[in-house]
């Protein structure tokens, strides 16, 4: 048996001005055999594909893998380039099936439902006689049309995404069973009409944990081969915006429909809880609470600046400075120019620089700091956290400053496939520090950090600071979303 493998992904904020070009994808792209060699043993869907294929003696035809981060609408040239690569790579390959790692929330200049068009483009090259299955992010926006092109799609069950490789294995196992004729796939999809801001999609607590629990209960039922609930990516003005339930059965379309209708109704009943219910702290109050709590805490207090997608907003940093916070770690602030200036000054030097606010969109503008350089150099290492283990991490030129008791880390890259937010302890520990040495730690993750920081922190305080992706979706005007999708109000 021979299976094709490829990956293409992006989490698109359609409200972000401008476009994301080919350079953002080519920076960390993989080609040919490197797709397998680099992803083997990693917590990625392709890592899961490789695991199953190699354990079952399946020949693989890897073509490419490229992921462009979380930024503005993707240029059409990116779609044309990589889908063209996949079509050429898979055509004439005598394949028994194709496994894809996609995201589910990629939007290009011309395509809102990009993932459906990716699979459709591949179908133009290989036809409809072989199965194509895709592993997708939990934060996907799916159109029912995707199941007209893909044989089945599989979503993560966890946010933090601890099961990325397992999702790939689920897809690969179903692929093998289908290609061998052991199952006859029947699928269904249902959309409850609910949008979930990412900060509220944490699957370790209700209501998200209840929804995933129901998904997994259905998967124990005879005849149900797989099920997923996609929680949506809220900051995309697309016609398919919103949650989606998907199910796979062995030749039983009625059972597949029963599963997704139940899951869809279950999510709709929890629509208000899925949008937060007032669980956020105002910026000044949240920072004040963190400082006060840290004075007698035995473990660090974590401040979650969830709305920052560029990793350069300065609202929280300004507030920490204004309130005189001490022994606070602020990792991964993206500012290539400031990082280079600090590196040129060298360790031990005192620098006066403007930092952050360099994206120019909802970022809070640069803030001037004066501090002593504690570390400077190239921030490259292999990830050791649950989501990044074995993956090469490149922060680019990195500098760490002591700014009146704030440990401020400046980076030049947004760290490719892992994004740029603090997912684990690596951005601190790989530079010779310990997380437990700090009273306060700031992260710009949404849920992923919780896998590591929930057990080692005294408290997690979620602040409602401005940024590119606030929980209050009324900050944006949606024009393509159908009426009735909660909580979107059309203008």
Foldseek 3Di string as FASTA:
>chain_A
DEEEEEEEEEAAQAVAPDADEPCLFVVDKDAWPCLLVQLCPALALSNLLNVVCVVVVYHYTYGMHTYRFYHHAHEVVNLVVVLVSLLVSPAPPPHQEYEYEYAQRHHHPVGRRSVLVSLVSNCVRVNDPHAYEYEYELAHQHDQSSVVRHVYYFYQLAVVRLRNSVSSNLRNVVRVCVSVVVFDKAKDKDFLLAAFALLLCHCVDPPNVVLSVLQVVLCPDPFWSHKGKRRHHQSRQAARGGIMIMTIGRPDNVSNVVSRVVSSVSCNVCRVVSLPVPQAAALLVLLVVLQVVLVPDQFAEEEAAAFAQPLFACSNVVSCVVVLPALEEEPQHEDQVVLVVLVVQPAQDKDWDWGGPPSVPFRNHTDIFIWGWHDWDWDWDQDDDSNGHSHIWTQGTWIWTCGSRYTYIYGHDLGGPVGNWCQACCRPVVVPHDNRSGRYYYTHHSRNNCVHVVVRHPYYHYHQRTYNRGSPSVVDARDNYDPPRPPDDHD
